[in-house]
Amino acid sequence: MTHETSVDEASELKWLKSSYSDSSNPSDCVEIAPTPTTIHIRDSKNPGGDRLATAPAAWAAFVRFAAQG
């Protein structure tokens, strides 16, 4: 499920990345910008490019699945 982001909401986002990101290549990472209703996701190599948006519950399920290996 996706959520359409307004221009005002997108300009206010605070992007975060994992502390496990490779410090030798800081632009090789997925970044997220959480809001109360949406998790925004982008590629740090192309911050102005396409982005994904999903509900927090869907993001949490994805992270749990990814952590299983």
Protein backbone atom coordinates (compact mmCIF):
# COMPACT_ATOMS: atom_id res chain seq x y z
CA MET A 1 0.00 0.00 0.00
CA THR A 2 1.30 3.44 -0.83
CA HIS A 3 0.45 6.91 0.40
CA GLU A 4 0.65 9.90 -1.91
CA THR A 5 2.94 12.56 -0.46
CA SER A 6 2.16 16.24 -0.75
CA VAL A 7 4.91 18.69 -1.73
CA ASP A 8 4.74 20.38 1.68
CA GLU A 9 5.11 17.07 3.52
CA ALA A 10 8.01 15.95 1.31
CA SER A 11 9.99 19.15 1.89
CA GLU A 12 9.77 18.71 5.67
CA LEU A 13 11.12 15.16 5.80
CA LYS A 14 14.12 14.26 7.96
CA TRP A 15 16.03 11.45 6.24
CA LEU A 16 17.78 8.77 8.32
CA LYS A 17 20.04 5.84 7.49
CA SER A 18 21.34 2.88 9.41
CA SER A 19 24.32 3.26 11.70
CA TYR A 20 25.55 0.07 10.01
CA SER A 21 25.97 1.93 6.69
CA ASP A 22 29.41 1.59 5.12
CA SER A 23 31.29 4.74 6.18
CA SER A 24 33.71 4.34 3.25
CA ASN A 25 30.79 4.84 0.84
CA PRO A 26 28.13 6.92 2.62
CA SER A 27 25.97 7.30 -0.49
CA ASP A 28 25.43 3.54 -0.85
CA CYS A 29 22.44 3.19 1.43
CA VAL A 30 18.67 3.16 1.71
CA GLU A 31 17.33 6.11 3.68
CA ILE A 32 13.97 6.45 5.40
CA ALA A 33 12.00 9.44 6.60
CA PRO A 34 9.34 8.35 9.08
CA THR A 35 6.21 10.40 9.75
CA PRO A 36 3.27 9.38 11.94
CA THR A 37 1.30 8.01 8.98
CA THR A 38 3.94 7.14 6.37
CA ILE A 39 7.45 5.74 6.00
CA HIS A 40 9.20 7.38 3.03
CA ILE A 41 12.06 5.41 1.42
CA ARG A 42 14.75 6.57 -1.02
CA ASP A 43 18.12 5.55 -2.45
CA SER A 44 20.92 7.72 -1.02
CA LYS A 45 22.73 7.58 -4.38
CA ASN A 46 19.81 9.47 -5.94
CA PRO A 47 18.09 11.56 -3.24
CA GLY A 48 16.09 13.54 -5.79
CA GLY A 49 14.89 10.42 -7.59
CA ASP A 50 11.86 8.24 -7.16
CA ARG A 51 10.75 7.39 -3.65
CA LEU A 52 8.56 4.77 -2.09
CA ALA A 53 6.01 5.41 0.63
CA THR A 54 4.33 2.83 2.82
CA ALA A 55 2.33 2.55 6.01
CA PRO A 56 4.34 2.11 9.22
CA ALA A 57 2.84 -1.36 9.84
CA ALA A 58 3.90 -2.54 6.37
CA TRP A 59 7.43 -1.18 6.92
CA ALA A 60 7.67 -2.93 10.29
CA ALA A 61 6.59 -6.21 8.67
CA PHE A 62 9.21 -5.77 5.94
CA VAL A 63 11.97 -5.10 8.49
CA ARG A 64 10.97 -8.18 10.52
CA PHE A 65 11.04 -10.29 7.35
CA ALA A 66 14.43 -8.89 6.24
CA ALA A 67 15.92 -9.52 9.68
CA GLN A 68 15.12 -13.22 9.36
CA GLY A 69 17.83 -13.50 6.72
